Amino acid sequence: METVGSEGAPNGRERPSASGASPTRAERRRPIWLFAAASVLLAVSVLLPYWRLNLAAPQYPDGLTVNVFVNRMEGDVRELEGLNHYVGLPGFDEGAQAERQIAVAGIAAMVGLLVAGILIHNRWVLAFTVPALVFPLVFLADLQYWLWRYGHDLDPAAPFADAVGEFTPPVLGPAEIAQFDTVALPHVGLIFAFAASGLVATGLWFHRKAYKPK
C-alpha cells in the first residue's frame, strides 16, 4: 500500500505541476538555477558599495564622494565629517549602528535561506525567499530614514545650523544642501541585490508552475 506524504502525493513522488502533470526535469531545474544565481549575486554584493553620494561645491572643484557599503563608508568621509561639525550634523559613526553590525550576518543568512529554498517544493518556499526578495527595498527605506534623521537632528550650537536649516536629502537623485549640489546613486552592490531580487521573483514564478501549491 502506498503511503501519502503531507503534501497529498505518494511519498517519493514530485507534486504535480500547475498543468496537472508531474514537473519535467527542465521545470524543476529553472527555480534551482535562479535561486542559486540569486544567492551568488547577494553574497558578492557584500563586498561592493551599495550607495554613492557625489557632492560638488565651488571650494571643492574635484568634488567629494562617499561610497556606502552595508557595514562601512569609504571615500571623502573625513572631509565631510569636518563639514558636518560646522553644520551641526551628527557623526557618521552614530548612524545605523545596529544595521551595520548585523548587515553581513543578515545577508549571509538570506543567502543560506535561498540555498535551502532550492530543496523546498511547496508554498513554504516563500519563507525562505521573501527576505532576499524585499531586501534591496528595505535597504533603501532604512537609508532614507537615516538621511531624514540626520537632516532633522542638527546641533543648534553649530555655527551654520540656522543658515542651513533642517533638510531631507533624497535617497536617490539630485539635491541641493547648503552650497553643495549632490547626486545620490545606487552602486554596484545594490544593483546586484536588485538583480538577485529579480531572479528570486522569476524563480518563484517558475517554482509555482512546477509545484503548484494546493
N, C-alpha and C. Protein backbone atom coordinates (compact mmCIF):
# COMPACT_ATOMS: atom_id res chain seq x y z
N MET A 1 0.86 -1.20 0.00
CA MET A 1 0.00 0.00 0.00
C MET A 1 0.89 1.25 0.00
N GLU A 2 0.54 2.20 -0.83
CA GLU A 2 1.33 3.42 -0.89
C GLU A 2 0.97 4.32 0.27
N THR A 3 1.99 4.96 0.83
CA THR A 3 1.74 5.97 1.86
C THR A 3 1.63 7.33 1.22
N VAL A 4 0.93 8.21 1.87
CA VAL A 4 0.71 9.54 1.32
C VAL A 4 1.43 10.56 2.17
N GLY A 5 2.25 11.42 1.53
CA GLY A 5 3.01 12.44 2.23
C GLY A 5 2.12 13.59 2.67
N SER A 6 2.74 14.52 3.41
CA SER A 6 1.98 15.65 3.95
C SER A 6 1.45 16.56 2.87
N GLU A 7 2.04 16.49 1.67
CA GLU A 7 1.61 17.38 0.59
C GLU A 7 0.53 16.73 -0.28
N GLY A 8 0.07 15.54 0.11
CA GLY A 8 -1.03 14.95 -0.63
C GLY A 8 -0.59 14.11 -1.79
N ALA A 9 0.71 13.79 -1.92
CA ALA A 9 1.21 12.98 -3.01
C ALA A 9 1.93 11.79 -2.41
N PRO A 10 1.96 10.65 -3.10
CA PRO A 10 2.66 9.49 -2.57
C PRO A 10 4.09 9.84 -2.25
N ASN A 11 4.62 9.29 -1.15
CA ASN A 11 5.98 9.57 -0.74
C ASN A 11 6.95 9.23 -1.86
N GLY A 12 7.94 10.12 -2.04
CA GLY A 12 8.97 9.91 -3.04
C GLY A 12 8.60 10.43 -4.41
N ARG A 13 7.36 10.93 -4.57
CA ARG A 13 6.96 11.45 -5.87
C ARG A 13 6.90 12.97 -5.83
N GLU A 14 7.10 13.58 -6.99
CA GLU A 14 7.02 15.04 -7.10
C GLU A 14 5.57 15.47 -7.09
N ARG A 15 5.33 16.64 -6.55
CA ARG A 15 3.99 17.23 -6.62
C ARG A 15 3.68 17.55 -8.08
N PRO A 16 2.44 17.34 -8.52
CA PRO A 16 2.09 17.69 -9.90
C PRO A 16 2.27 19.18 -10.14
N SER A 17 2.58 19.54 -11.37
CA SER A 17 2.74 20.95 -11.74
C SER A 17 1.39 21.57 -11.94
N ALA A 18 1.39 22.88 -12.32
CA ALA A 18 0.14 23.61 -12.49
C ALA A 18 -0.73 22.98 -13.57
N SER A 19 -0.13 22.32 -14.53
CA SER A 19 -0.89 21.71 -15.61
C SER A 19 -1.49 20.37 -15.21
N GLY A 20 -1.15 19.86 -14.02
CA GLY A 20 -1.67 18.59 -13.55
C GLY A 20 -0.70 17.45 -13.73
N ALA A 21 0.32 17.61 -14.58
CA ALA A 21 1.31 16.57 -14.80
C ALA A 21 2.49 16.78 -13.87
N SER A 22 3.25 15.71 -13.65
CA SER A 22 4.45 15.83 -12.83
C SER A 22 5.43 16.78 -13.51
N PRO A 23 6.15 17.63 -12.74
CA PRO A 23 7.07 18.59 -13.36
C PRO A 23 8.19 17.87 -14.09
N THR A 24 8.53 18.41 -15.26
CA THR A 24 9.63 17.85 -16.02
C THR A 24 10.95 18.23 -15.38
N ARG A 25 12.02 17.63 -15.85
CA ARG A 25 13.34 17.94 -15.32
C ARG A 25 13.68 19.41 -15.54
N ALA A 26 13.34 19.93 -16.71
CA ALA A 26 13.61 21.34 -17.01
C ALA A 26 12.82 22.26 -16.09
N GLU A 27 11.56 21.90 -15.81
CA GLU A 27 10.74 22.73 -14.92
C GLU A 27 11.30 22.74 -13.50
N ARG A 28 11.84 21.60 -13.07
CA ARG A 28 12.43 21.54 -11.73
C ARG A 28 13.74 22.32 -11.65
N ARG A 29 14.48 22.35 -12.76
CA ARG A 29 15.80 22.99 -12.74
C ARG A 29 15.71 24.51 -12.77
N ARG A 30 14.70 25.06 -13.41
CA ARG A 30 14.64 26.53 -13.55
C ARG A 30 14.68 27.25 -12.21
N PRO A 31 13.79 26.95 -11.26
CA PRO A 31 13.89 27.66 -9.97
C PRO A 31 15.19 27.38 -9.24
N ILE A 32 15.76 26.18 -9.41
CA ILE A 32 17.02 25.86 -8.75
C ILE A 32 18.12 26.80 -9.23
N TRP A 33 18.25 26.93 -10.54
CA TRP A 33 19.31 27.79 -11.09
C TRP A 33 19.07 29.25 -10.76
N LEU A 34 17.83 29.67 -10.78
CA LEU A 34 17.52 31.07 -10.49
C LEU A 34 17.80 31.40 -9.03
N PHE A 35 17.39 30.54 -8.11
CA PHE A 35 17.67 30.77 -6.69
C PHE A 35 19.18 30.71 -6.42
N ALA A 36 19.87 29.79 -7.09
CA ALA A 36 21.32 29.67 -6.89
C ALA A 36 22.03 30.92 -7.40
N ALA A 37 21.64 31.40 -8.58
CA ALA A 37 22.26 32.62 -9.13
C ALA A 37 21.99 33.81 -8.23
N ALA A 38 20.78 33.90 -7.69
CA ALA A 38 20.43 35.00 -6.79
C ALA A 38 21.29 34.95 -5.53
N SER A 39 21.52 33.76 -5.01
CA SER A 39 22.33 33.64 -3.80
C SER A 39 23.77 34.09 -4.05
N VAL A 40 24.30 33.79 -5.24
CA VAL A 40 25.67 34.22 -5.57
C VAL A 40 25.74 35.74 -5.67
N LEU A 41 24.79 36.34 -6.38
CA LEU A 41 24.79 37.80 -6.51
C LEU A 41 24.68 38.48 -5.15
N LEU A 42 23.82 37.96 -4.31
CA LEU A 42 23.62 38.57 -2.99
C LEU A 42 24.87 38.43 -2.13
N ALA A 43 25.53 37.28 -2.22
CA ALA A 43 26.76 37.08 -1.44
C ALA A 43 27.86 38.02 -1.91
N VAL A 44 28.01 38.17 -3.22
CA VAL A 44 29.05 39.04 -3.76
C VAL A 44 28.77 40.50 -3.43
N SER A 45 27.50 40.86 -3.32
CA SER A 45 27.15 42.26 -3.08
C SER A 45 27.71 42.79 -1.76
N VAL A 46 27.96 41.90 -0.80
CA VAL A 46 28.51 42.32 0.49
C VAL A 46 29.87 42.98 0.32
N LEU A 47 30.61 42.57 -0.70
CA LEU A 47 31.95 43.10 -0.93
C LEU A 47 31.95 44.42 -1.69
N LEU A 48 30.81 44.87 -2.13
CA LEU A 48 30.71 46.02 -3.02
C LEU A 48 29.93 47.16 -2.37
N PRO A 49 30.20 48.40 -2.79
CA PRO A 49 29.40 49.52 -2.26
C PRO A 49 27.97 49.47 -2.77
N TYR A 50 27.05 49.87 -1.92
CA TYR A 50 25.63 49.85 -2.24
C TYR A 50 25.11 51.21 -2.70
N TRP A 51 25.74 52.27 -2.26
CA TRP A 51 25.18 53.61 -2.50
C TRP A 51 26.32 54.59 -2.62
N ARG A 52 26.12 55.59 -3.47
CA ARG A 52 27.17 56.58 -3.73
C ARG A 52 26.57 57.97 -3.64
N LEU A 53 27.29 58.86 -2.97
CA LEU A 53 26.88 60.26 -2.88
C LEU A 53 27.99 61.14 -3.42
N ASN A 54 27.66 61.87 -4.48
CA ASN A 54 28.60 62.83 -5.07
C ASN A 54 28.20 64.24 -4.65
N LEU A 55 29.18 65.02 -4.19
CA LEU A 55 28.92 66.40 -3.76
C LEU A 55 29.84 67.34 -4.54
N ALA A 56 29.28 68.45 -4.99
CA ALA A 56 30.05 69.45 -5.72
C ALA A 56 29.79 70.82 -5.12
N ALA A 57 30.87 71.60 -4.97
CA ALA A 57 30.77 72.96 -4.44
C ALA A 57 31.95 73.75 -4.98
N PRO A 58 31.83 75.09 -5.02
CA PRO A 58 32.92 75.91 -5.58
C PRO A 58 34.26 75.67 -4.90
N GLN A 59 34.26 75.45 -3.59
CA GLN A 59 35.52 75.26 -2.88
C GLN A 59 36.10 73.87 -3.05
N TYR A 60 35.34 72.98 -3.70
CA TYR A 60 35.82 71.61 -3.97
C TYR A 60 35.68 71.34 -5.47
N PRO A 61 36.58 71.86 -6.28
CA PRO A 61 36.45 71.73 -7.75
C PRO A 61 36.44 70.29 -8.22
N ASP A 62 37.10 69.39 -7.48
CA ASP A 62 37.10 67.97 -7.86
C ASP A 62 35.94 67.21 -7.24
N GLY A 63 35.16 67.89 -6.41
CA GLY A 63 34.03 67.25 -5.78
C GLY A 63 34.42 66.33 -4.64
N LEU A 64 33.44 65.87 -3.93
CA LEU A 64 33.62 64.90 -2.84
C LEU A 64 32.72 63.70 -3.12
N THR A 65 33.18 62.54 -2.71
CA THR A 65 32.42 61.31 -2.96
C THR A 65 32.46 60.42 -1.72
N VAL A 66 31.30 59.85 -1.42
CA VAL A 66 31.21 58.87 -0.34
C VAL A 66 30.56 57.61 -0.90
N ASN A 67 31.20 56.48 -0.66
CA ASN A 67 30.65 55.18 -1.06
C ASN A 67 30.22 54.44 0.20
N VAL A 68 28.97 54.00 0.21
CA VAL A 68 28.39 53.36 1.38
C VAL A 68 28.26 51.85 1.12
N PHE A 69 28.93 51.06 1.95
CA PHE A 69 28.79 49.61 1.94
C PHE A 69 27.72 49.25 2.98
N VAL A 70 27.39 47.98 3.09
CA VAL A 70 26.37 47.60 4.08
C VAL A 70 26.88 47.75 5.51
N ASN A 71 28.21 47.81 5.69
CA ASN A 71 28.75 47.87 7.06
C ASN A 71 29.81 48.95 7.26
N ARG A 72 30.02 49.80 6.27
CA ARG A 72 31.05 50.84 6.43
C ARG A 72 30.89 51.88 5.32
N MET A 73 31.69 52.95 5.45
CA MET A 73 31.73 54.01 4.44
C MET A 73 33.16 54.23 4.01
N GLU A 74 33.34 54.58 2.74
CA GLU A 74 34.66 54.88 2.20
C GLU A 74 34.57 56.13 1.33
N GLY A 75 35.72 56.72 1.06
CA GLY A 75 35.77 57.92 0.24
C GLY A 75 36.19 59.13 1.05
N ASP A 76 35.59 60.27 0.74
CA ASP A 76 35.95 61.53 1.41
C ASP A 76 35.19 61.69 2.72
N VAL A 77 35.25 60.68 3.55
CA VAL A 77 34.48 60.66 4.79
C VAL A 77 35.02 61.69 5.78
N ARG A 78 36.34 61.78 5.93
CA ARG A 78 36.92 62.71 6.91
C ARG A 78 36.61 64.16 6.55
N GLU A 79 36.67 64.47 5.25
CA GLU A 79 36.36 65.85 4.84
C GLU A 79 34.92 66.20 5.17
N LEU A 80 34.01 65.26 4.92
CA LEU A 80 32.60 65.54 5.22
C LEU A 80 32.34 65.59 6.71
N GLU A 81 33.05 64.79 7.47
CA GLU A 81 32.91 64.86 8.93
C GLU A 81 33.29 66.26 9.43
N GLY A 82 34.34 66.83 8.85
CA GLY A 82 34.74 68.18 9.23
C GLY A 82 33.68 69.21 8.89
N LEU A 83 33.06 69.06 7.71
CA LEU A 83 31.99 69.98 7.33
C LEU A 83 30.76 69.80 8.21
N ASN A 84 30.48 68.55 8.57
CA ASN A 84 29.32 68.27 9.42
C ASN A 84 29.41 69.00 10.76
N HIS A 85 30.64 69.17 11.25
CA HIS A 85 30.83 69.86 12.53
C HIS A 85 30.29 71.29 12.47
N TYR A 86 30.48 71.96 11.33
CA TYR A 86 30.04 73.35 11.21
C TYR A 86 28.53 73.44 10.98
N VAL A 87 27.98 72.44 10.32
CA VAL A 87 26.54 72.45 10.05
C VAL A 87 25.74 71.94 11.24
N GLY A 88 26.36 71.07 12.05
CA GLY A 88 25.69 70.50 13.21
C GLY A 88 25.14 69.11 12.98
N LEU A 89 25.58 68.45 11.91
CA LEU A 89 25.13 67.09 11.65
C LEU A 89 25.81 66.11 12.61
N PRO A 90 25.14 65.03 12.99
CA PRO A 90 25.79 64.01 13.83
C PRO A 90 26.92 63.34 13.06
N GLY A 91 27.83 62.71 13.78
CA GLY A 91 28.91 61.98 13.15
C GLY A 91 28.39 60.75 12.43
N PHE A 92 29.10 60.35 11.39
CA PHE A 92 28.66 59.19 10.61
C PHE A 92 28.65 57.91 11.45
N ASP A 93 29.53 57.84 12.44
CA ASP A 93 29.60 56.62 13.25
C ASP A 93 28.39 56.47 14.16
N GLU A 94 27.58 57.52 14.27
CA GLU A 94 26.39 57.46 15.12
C GLU A 94 25.18 56.90 14.38
N GLY A 95 25.26 56.81 13.06
CA GLY A 95 24.11 56.41 12.27
C GLY A 95 24.06 54.92 11.97
N ALA A 96 22.87 54.35 11.97
CA ALA A 96 22.62 52.96 11.57
C ALA A 96 23.59 51.98 12.23
N GLN A 97 23.84 52.16 13.49
CA GLN A 97 24.79 51.28 14.18
C GLN A 97 24.33 49.83 14.19
N ALA A 98 23.07 49.61 14.52
CA ALA A 98 22.55 48.23 14.57
C ALA A 98 22.58 47.60 13.18
N GLU A 99 22.17 48.37 12.18
CA GLU A 99 22.14 47.84 10.81
C GLU A 99 23.54 47.43 10.35
N ARG A 100 24.52 48.28 10.64
CA ARG A 100 25.89 47.97 10.19
C ARG A 100 26.46 46.75 10.90
N GLN A 101 26.07 46.55 12.15
CA GLN A 101 26.58 45.42 12.91
C GLN A 101 26.02 44.08 12.42
N ILE A 102 24.78 44.08 11.98
CA ILE A 102 24.15 42.81 11.59
C ILE A 102 24.09 42.60 10.09
N ALA A 103 24.54 43.58 9.30
CA ALA A 103 24.33 43.53 7.85
C ALA A 103 24.95 42.30 7.20
N VAL A 104 26.23 42.06 7.46
CA VAL A 104 26.91 40.93 6.80
C VAL A 104 26.29 39.61 7.23
N ALA A 105 26.05 39.44 8.53
CA ALA A 105 25.43 38.21 9.02
C ALA A 105 24.02 38.06 8.47
N GLY A 106 23.30 39.16 8.36
CA GLY A 106 21.94 39.09 7.83
C GLY A 106 21.91 38.68 6.37
N ILE A 107 22.83 39.24 5.58
CA ILE A 107 22.89 38.85 4.17
C ILE A 107 23.33 37.41 4.03
N ALA A 108 24.28 36.99 4.86
CA ALA A 108 24.70 35.58 4.85
C ALA A 108 23.53 34.66 5.16
N ALA A 109 22.69 35.07 6.10
CA ALA A 109 21.51 34.26 6.44
C ALA A 109 20.55 34.19 5.25
N MET A 110 20.36 35.31 4.55
CA MET A 110 19.48 35.30 3.38
C MET A 110 20.02 34.40 2.29
N VAL A 111 21.34 34.42 2.11
CA VAL A 111 21.96 33.52 1.12
C VAL A 111 21.70 32.07 1.52
N GLY A 112 21.88 31.75 2.80
CA GLY A 112 21.63 30.40 3.27
C GLY A 112 20.18 29.98 3.07
N LEU A 113 19.25 30.89 3.31
CA LEU A 113 17.84 30.59 3.11
C LEU A 113 17.54 30.32 1.64
N LEU A 114 18.14 31.10 0.75
CA LEU A 114 17.93 30.86 -0.68
C LEU A 114 18.42 29.48 -1.09
N VAL A 115 19.60 29.11 -0.60
CA VAL A 115 20.14 27.79 -0.93
C VAL A 115 19.22 26.70 -0.37
N ALA A 116 18.75 26.88 0.85
CA ALA A 116 17.83 25.91 1.44
C ALA A 116 16.51 25.87 0.68
N GLY A 117 16.09 27.03 0.16
CA GLY A 117 14.84 27.09 -0.57
C GLY A 117 14.83 26.24 -1.83
N ILE A 118 16.01 25.92 -2.34
CA ILE A 118 16.11 25.05 -3.52
C ILE A 118 15.48 23.69 -3.23
N LEU A 119 15.53 23.27 -1.96
CA LEU A 119 15.04 21.95 -1.59
C LEU A 119 13.56 21.93 -1.25
N ILE A 120 12.92 23.11 -1.22
CA ILE A 120 11.52 23.21 -0.82
C ILE A 120 10.63 23.18 -2.05
N HIS A 121 9.66 22.28 -2.08
CA HIS A 121 8.80 22.11 -3.25
C HIS A 121 7.34 22.39 -2.92
N ASN A 122 7.10 23.30 -2.00
CA ASN A 122 5.73 23.68 -1.66
C ASN A 122 5.71 25.16 -1.31
N ARG A 123 4.57 25.61 -0.80
CA ARG A 123 4.39 27.05 -0.54
C ARG A 123 5.34 27.61 0.50
N TRP A 124 5.96 26.75 1.31
CA TRP A 124 6.90 27.23 2.32
C TRP A 124 8.15 27.84 1.71
N VAL A 125 8.32 27.68 0.40
CA VAL A 125 9.46 28.31 -0.25
C VAL A 125 9.45 29.82 -0.05
N LEU A 126 8.26 30.39 0.14
CA LEU A 126 8.16 31.84 0.34
C LEU A 126 8.90 32.28 1.59
N ALA A 127 8.83 31.47 2.64
CA ALA A 127 9.51 31.82 3.89
C ALA A 127 11.02 31.87 3.71
N PHE A 128 11.53 31.11 2.74
CA PHE A 128 12.96 31.05 2.51
C PHE A 128 13.45 32.11 1.51
N THR A 129 12.56 32.63 0.69
CA THR A 129 12.99 33.51 -0.41
C THR A 129 12.55 34.97 -0.27
N VAL A 130 11.46 35.21 0.47
CA VAL A 130 10.96 36.59 0.57
C VAL A 130 11.97 37.56 1.18
N PRO A 131 12.77 37.16 2.20
CA PRO A 131 13.76 38.12 2.72
C PRO A 131 14.69 38.66 1.65
N ALA A 132 15.20 37.80 0.78
CA ALA A 132 16.08 38.27 -0.30
C ALA A 132 15.30 39.07 -1.33
N LEU A 133 14.03 38.74 -1.51
CA LEU A 133 13.19 39.43 -2.49
C LEU A 133 13.01 40.90 -2.12
N VAL A 134 12.78 41.18 -0.83
CA VAL A 134 12.46 42.55 -0.41
C VAL A 134 13.67 43.30 0.12
N PHE A 135 14.80 42.62 0.29
CA PHE A 135 15.95 43.24 0.95
C PHE A 135 16.39 44.57 0.33
N PRO A 136 16.56 44.68 -1.01
CA PRO A 136 17.04 45.97 -1.53
C PRO A 136 16.10 47.13 -1.25
N LEU A 137 14.79 46.87 -1.23
CA LEU A 137 13.84 47.93 -0.90
C LEU A 137 13.94 48.31 0.58
N VAL A 138 14.15 47.31 1.43
CA VAL A 138 14.34 47.59 2.85
C VAL A 138 15.60 48.42 3.07
N PHE A 139 16.66 48.09 2.34
CA PHE A 139 17.91 48.86 2.46
C PHE A 139 17.67 50.33 2.10
N LEU A 140 16.99 50.58 0.98
CA LEU A 140 16.75 51.97 0.57
C LEU A 140 15.84 52.69 1.56
N ALA A 141 14.83 52.00 2.07
CA ALA A 141 13.92 52.63 3.03
C ALA A 141 14.66 52.99 4.32
N ASP A 142 15.52 52.09 4.78
CA ASP A 142 16.28 52.36 6.00
C ASP A 142 17.27 53.51 5.78
N LEU A 143 17.91 53.53 4.62
CA LEU A 143 18.85 54.61 4.32
C LEU A 143 18.12 55.95 4.23
N GLN A 144 16.93 55.96 3.61
CA GLN A 144 16.17 57.21 3.56
C GLN A 144 15.78 57.70 4.94
N TYR A 145 15.45 56.76 5.83
CA TYR A 145 15.13 57.14 7.20
C TYR A 145 16.32 57.83 7.87
N TRP A 146 17.51 57.27 7.70
CA TRP A 146 18.68 57.86 8.34
C TRP A 146 19.06 59.18 7.70
N LEU A 147 18.84 59.35 6.41
CA LEU A 147 19.08 60.65 5.78
C LEU A 147 18.14 61.71 6.35
N TRP A 148 16.88 61.31 6.52
CA TRP A 148 15.92 62.24 7.13
C TRP A 148 16.34 62.57 8.56
N ARG A 149 16.73 61.55 9.31
CA ARG A 149 17.07 61.78 10.72
C ARG A 149 18.29 62.69 10.84
N TYR A 150 19.30 62.49 9.99
CA TYR A 150 20.48 63.35 10.04
C TYR A 150 20.10 64.80 9.72
N GLY A 151 19.25 64.98 8.72
CA GLY A 151 18.88 66.34 8.33
C GLY A 151 17.96 67.04 9.31
N HIS A 152 17.42 66.30 10.28
CA HIS A 152 16.50 66.89 11.25
C HIS A 152 17.04 66.78 12.68
N ASP A 153 18.32 66.49 12.80
CA ASP A 153 18.92 66.36 14.13
C ASP A 153 20.17 67.24 14.23
N LEU A 154 20.02 68.50 13.78
CA LEU A 154 21.15 69.42 13.77
C LEU A 154 21.41 69.94 15.18
N ASP A 155 22.68 70.14 15.46
CA ASP A 155 23.09 70.74 16.73
C ASP A 155 22.87 72.25 16.63
N PRO A 156 21.96 72.82 17.41
CA PRO A 156 21.68 74.26 17.29
C PRO A 156 22.88 75.14 17.64
N ALA A 157 23.87 74.59 18.33
CA ALA A 157 25.05 75.38 18.68
C ALA A 157 26.07 75.43 17.56
N ALA A 158 25.88 74.66 16.49
CA ALA A 158 26.82 74.66 15.37
C ALA A 158 26.77 76.01 14.65
N PRO A 159 27.90 76.48 14.11
CA PRO A 159 27.95 77.83 13.52
C PRO A 159 26.94 78.06 12.40
N PHE A 160 26.71 77.06 11.55
CA PHE A 160 25.86 77.27 10.38
C PHE A 160 24.56 76.47 10.45
N ALA A 161 24.19 76.00 11.62
CA ALA A 161 22.97 75.21 11.75
C ALA A 161 21.73 76.01 11.35
N ASP A 162 21.64 77.25 11.79
CA ASP A 162 20.47 78.07 11.46
C ASP A 162 20.44 78.43 9.98
N ALA A 163 21.62 78.67 9.40
CA ALA A 163 21.66 79.05 7.99
C ALA A 163 21.24 77.89 7.08
N VAL A 164 21.64 76.69 7.45
CA VAL A 164 21.30 75.53 6.62
C VAL A 164 19.86 75.09 6.88
N GLY A 165 19.47 75.02 8.14
CA GLY A 165 18.12 74.59 8.48
C GLY A 165 17.93 73.09 8.27
N GLU A 166 16.79 72.59 8.71
CA GLU A 166 16.51 71.17 8.55
C GLU A 166 16.29 70.84 7.07
N PHE A 167 16.68 69.63 6.71
CA PHE A 167 16.55 69.21 5.31
C PHE A 167 16.44 67.69 5.26
N THR A 168 15.94 67.19 4.11
CA THR A 168 15.82 65.75 3.90
C THR A 168 16.41 65.41 2.54
N PRO A 169 17.65 64.92 2.49
CA PRO A 169 18.24 64.53 1.21
C PRO A 169 17.50 63.31 0.64
N PRO A 170 17.25 63.27 -0.66
CA PRO A 170 16.62 62.09 -1.25
C PRO A 170 17.60 60.93 -1.31
N VAL A 171 17.09 59.73 -1.15
CA VAL A 171 17.96 58.55 -1.19
C VAL A 171 18.50 58.30 -2.59
N LEU A 172 17.79 58.79 -3.60
CA LEU A 172 18.24 58.69 -4.99
C LEU A 172 17.92 59.99 -5.71
N GLY A 173 18.86 60.46 -6.52
CA GLY A 173 18.62 61.65 -7.32
C GLY A 173 19.36 62.88 -6.83
N PRO A 174 19.18 64.00 -7.52
CA PRO A 174 19.89 65.23 -7.18
C PRO A 174 19.22 65.99 -6.04
N ALA A 175 20.02 66.83 -5.38
CA ALA A 175 19.51 67.69 -4.31
C ALA A 175 20.48 68.85 -4.12
N GLU A 176 20.03 69.83 -3.38
CA GLU A 176 20.87 70.98 -3.04
C GLU A 176 20.87 71.14 -1.53
N ILE A 177 22.05 71.01 -0.92
CA ILE A 177 22.20 71.13 0.53
C ILE A 177 23.22 72.22 0.80
N ALA A 178 22.74 73.32 1.36
CA ALA A 178 23.61 74.49 1.59
C ALA A 178 24.26 74.87 0.25
N GLN A 179 25.60 74.96 0.22
CA GLN A 179 26.27 75.34 -1.02
C GLN A 179 26.63 74.13 -1.87
N PHE A 180 26.21 72.95 -1.48
CA PHE A 180 26.56 71.73 -2.20
C PHE A 180 25.43 71.28 -3.13
N ASP A 181 25.80 70.90 -4.33
CA ASP A 181 24.90 70.17 -5.21
C ASP A 181 25.26 68.69 -5.08
N THR A 182 24.27 67.88 -4.77
CA THR A 182 24.53 66.47 -4.50
C THR A 182 23.76 65.60 -5.48
N VAL A 183 24.31 64.41 -5.72
CA VAL A 183 23.62 63.39 -6.52
C VAL A 183 23.81 62.06 -5.80
N ALA A 184 22.71 61.43 -5.46
CA ALA A 184 22.74 60.13 -4.80
C ALA A 184 22.41 59.05 -5.83
N LEU A 185 23.24 58.02 -5.88
CA LEU A 185 23.10 57.00 -6.92
C LEU A 185 23.20 55.60 -6.32
N PRO A 186 22.50 54.63 -6.90
CA PRO A 186 22.74 53.24 -6.49
C PRO A 186 24.11 52.79 -6.98
N HIS A 187 24.80 51.99 -6.17
CA HIS A 187 26.12 51.50 -6.58
C HIS A 187 26.00 50.01 -6.94
N VAL A 188 27.14 49.42 -7.28
CA VAL A 188 27.14 48.07 -7.85
C VAL A 188 26.50 47.05 -6.90
N GLY A 189 26.81 47.15 -5.60
CA GLY A 189 26.26 46.19 -4.65
C GLY A 189 24.74 46.19 -4.64
N LEU A 190 24.15 47.39 -4.65
CA LEU A 190 22.69 47.49 -4.64
C LEU A 190 22.11 46.98 -5.95
N ILE A 191 22.78 47.25 -7.05
CA ILE A 191 22.34 46.72 -8.35
C ILE A 191 22.35 45.20 -8.33
N PHE A 192 23.39 44.62 -7.74
CA PHE A 192 23.45 43.15 -7.59
C PHE A 192 22.29 42.65 -6.73
N ALA A 193 21.99 43.39 -5.65
CA ALA A 193 20.91 42.97 -4.76
C ALA A 193 19.56 43.03 -5.47
N PHE A 194 19.35 44.08 -6.28
CA PHE A 194 18.11 44.17 -7.06
C PHE A 194 18.05 43.07 -8.12
N ALA A 195 19.19 42.78 -8.74
CA ALA A 195 19.22 41.69 -9.71
C ALA A 195 18.88 40.36 -9.03
N ALA A 196 19.43 40.15 -7.83
CA ALA A 196 19.10 38.94 -7.08
C ALA A 196 17.61 38.90 -6.76
N SER A 197 17.04 40.03 -6.39
CA SER A 197 15.61 40.09 -6.10
C SER A 197 14.79 39.71 -7.34
N GLY A 198 15.21 40.22 -8.50
CA GLY A 198 14.51 39.88 -9.74
C GLY A 198 14.60 38.39 -10.06
N LEU A 199 15.78 37.80 -9.82
CA LEU A 199 15.94 36.37 -10.06
C LEU A 199 15.08 35.55 -9.10
N VAL A 200 14.98 36.01 -7.85
CA VAL A 200 14.13 35.31 -6.89
C VAL A 200 12.67 35.37 -7.34
N ALA A 201 12.21 36.54 -7.76
CA ALA A 201 10.83 36.68 -8.22
C ALA A 201 10.56 35.76 -9.41
N THR A 202 11.50 35.73 -10.36
CA THR A 202 11.34 34.85 -11.51
C THR A 202 11.37 33.38 -11.09
N GLY A 203 12.28 33.06 -10.16
CA GLY A 203 12.35 31.70 -9.65
C GLY A 203 11.06 31.26 -8.98
N LEU A 204 10.43 32.17 -8.24
CA LEU A 204 9.16 31.83 -7.59
C LEU A 204 8.07 31.58 -8.61
N TRP A 205 8.10 32.32 -9.70
CA TRP A 205 7.10 32.11 -10.75
C TRP A 205 7.26 30.72 -11.37
N PHE A 206 8.50 30.36 -11.68
CA PHE A 206 8.75 29.03 -12.24
C PHE A 206 8.50 27.94 -11.19
N HIS A 207 8.78 28.24 -9.93
CA HIS A 207 8.53 27.27 -8.85
C HIS A 207 7.04 26.98 -8.76
N ARG A 208 6.23 28.01 -8.86
CA ARG A 208 4.78 27.81 -8.80
C ARG A 208 4.30 26.98 -9.99
N LYS A 209 4.89 27.21 -11.16
CA LYS A 209 4.50 26.41 -12.32
C LYS A 209 4.84 24.94 -12.12
N ALA A 210 5.98 24.68 -11.50
CA ALA A 210 6.44 23.30 -11.32
C ALA A 210 5.75 22.61 -10.15
N TYR A 211 5.52 23.39 -9.06
CA TYR A 211 4.97 22.80 -7.84
C TYR A 211 3.81 23.67 -7.35
N LYS A 212 2.71 23.61 -8.04
CA LYS A 212 1.58 24.46 -7.69
C LYS A 212 1.07 24.09 -6.31
N PRO A 213 1.04 25.06 -5.35
CA PRO A 213 0.53 24.74 -4.01
C PRO A 213 -0.95 24.49 -4.02
N LYS A 214 -1.38 23.60 -3.13
CA LYS A 214 -2.82 23.32 -3.03
C LYS A 214 -3.50 24.33 -2.12
